[in-house]
Protein backbone atom coordinates (compact mmCIF):
# COMPACT_ATOMS: atom_id res chain seq x y z
CA MET A 1 -3.74 15.79 -6.18
CA PRO A 2 -0.98 13.56 -4.78
CA LYS A 3 0.56 10.94 -7.03
CA VAL A 4 1.48 7.40 -6.02
CA THR A 5 3.81 5.18 -7.97
CA TYR A 6 3.01 1.46 -7.80
CA ILE A 7 5.75 -0.95 -8.80
CA ALA A 8 4.63 -4.50 -9.54
CA HIS A 9 6.84 -7.44 -8.56
CA ASN A 10 7.76 -7.81 -12.25
CA GLY A 11 8.98 -4.20 -12.40
CA LYS A 12 6.00 -2.64 -14.19
CA THR A 13 5.58 0.90 -12.90
CA THR A 14 2.30 2.82 -12.84
CA THR A 15 1.83 6.32 -11.44
CA VAL A 16 -1.67 7.60 -10.68
CA ASP A 17 -3.37 10.46 -8.89
CA VAL A 18 -4.87 9.39 -5.57
CA PRO A 19 -7.17 11.98 -3.97
CA ASN A 20 -6.46 13.25 -0.48
CA LYS A 21 -8.19 11.15 2.19
CA HIS A 22 -8.27 8.10 -0.11
CA SER A 23 -6.05 5.15 0.69
CA VAL A 24 -3.22 3.84 -1.44
CA MET A 25 -5.30 0.66 -1.75
CA GLU A 26 -8.28 2.62 -3.12
CA GLY A 27 -6.00 4.28 -5.64
CA ALA A 28 -4.85 0.89 -6.91
CA VAL A 29 -8.32 -0.64 -7.07
CA LYS A 30 -9.95 2.37 -8.75
CA ASN A 31 -7.19 2.49 -11.36
CA GLY A 32 -7.14 -1.24 -12.14
CA ILE A 33 -3.62 -1.80 -10.83
CA ASP A 34 -2.86 -5.50 -10.46
CA GLY A 35 -1.16 -6.75 -7.33
CA ILE A 36 -3.46 -5.41 -4.63
CA VAL A 37 -6.39 -7.76 -4.02
CA ALA A 38 -8.15 -5.84 -1.21
CA GLU A 39 -10.51 -8.67 -0.21
CA CYS A 40 -11.84 -6.84 2.85
CA GLY A 41 -12.28 -3.53 1.04
CA GLY A 42 -10.00 -1.59 3.33
CA ALA A 43 -11.16 -2.76 6.75
CA CYS A 44 -7.67 -3.88 7.85
CA MET A 45 -8.89 -7.46 8.18
CA CYS A 46 -7.23 -9.48 5.42
CA ALA A 47 -3.68 -8.28 4.55
CA THR A 48 -4.32 -8.69 0.81
CA CYS A 49 -3.26 -5.10 0.18
CA HIS A 50 0.25 -5.64 1.53
CA VAL A 51 2.91 -3.38 -0.02
CA TYR A 52 6.54 -2.54 0.56
CA VAL A 53 6.97 1.20 1.03
CA ASP A 54 10.05 2.71 -0.58
CA PRO A 55 12.42 3.20 2.39
CA ALA A 56 12.78 6.92 1.62
CA TRP A 57 9.10 7.33 2.62
CA LEU A 58 8.98 5.28 5.83
CA ASP A 59 9.73 8.12 8.24
CA LYS A 60 7.09 10.30 6.59
CA LEU A 61 4.21 7.87 7.19
CA GLU A 62 2.13 7.51 10.31
CA PRO A 63 3.37 4.82 12.71
CA ILE A 64 1.85 1.36 12.35
CA ALA A 65 -1.25 0.91 14.51
CA GLU A 66 -1.79 -2.26 16.53
CA ASP A 67 -4.42 -3.72 14.16
CA GLN A 68 -2.16 -3.21 11.15
CA GLU A 69 0.74 -4.75 13.06
CA GLU A 70 -1.36 -7.87 13.68
CA MET A 71 -2.44 -8.18 10.05
CA LEU A 72 1.13 -7.74 8.80
CA GLY A 73 1.92 -10.90 10.75
CA VAL A 74 -0.23 -12.96 8.35
CA THR A 75 0.76 -11.66 4.93
CA ALA A 76 1.12 -14.20 2.12
CA ALA A 77 4.44 -12.72 0.99
CA GLU A 78 7.40 -12.12 3.26
CA ARG A 79 6.96 -9.34 5.79
CA LYS A 80 9.81 -6.84 5.68
CA PRO A 81 10.65 -3.78 7.79
CA ASN A 82 9.01 -1.58 5.15
CA SER A 83 5.82 -3.67 4.91
CA ARG A 84 2.55 -1.80 5.26
CA LEU A 85 -1.10 -2.39 4.43
CA SER A 86 -2.00 -0.02 1.62
CA CYS A 87 -5.51 0.40 3.04
CA GLN A 88 -3.95 2.07 6.06
CA ILE A 89 -1.94 4.65 4.13
CA VAL A 90 -4.36 7.54 3.69
CA MET A 91 -3.19 10.12 1.21
CA ARG A 92 -2.43 13.70 2.11
CA PRO A 93 -0.57 16.41 0.22
CA GLU A 94 2.79 15.62 1.84
CA TYR A 95 2.61 12.06 0.49
CA ASP A 96 2.79 13.31 -3.11
CA GLY A 97 5.29 11.10 -4.92
CA LEU A 98 4.91 8.10 -2.60
CA VAL A 99 6.35 4.88 -4.04
CA VAL A 100 5.12 1.41 -3.09
CA LEU A 101 6.27 -1.98 -4.34
CA MET A 102 3.87 -4.87 -4.49
CA PRO A 103 4.87 -8.35 -3.35
CA ASP A 104 4.80 -11.36 -5.65
CA ARG A 105 1.55 -12.60 -4.11
CA GLN A 106 -1.27 -11.50 -1.81
CA THR A 107 -2.98 -14.83 -1.20
């Protein structure tokens, strides 16, 4: 099962198993990781699961779809080139070891 490392804005690091076909957001919510609110439950409609993907992983992820691009325009924390919605990162074996950093706020 692929592992994801979540790094909170205060530096706290948590690594958990996230099953294939589950989103990075689901992994955080199911494991009680603070910093991802997920108000819309993964429907790509709220941007409260905003994360910063470790730059080493950016080229390995799927390109940003138009709906995610729109939602990234309304994040509470600063949007950066490595910003993604964690609900839109669906785990697969090649994402094992993925690292995401959470912003200082989601709302």
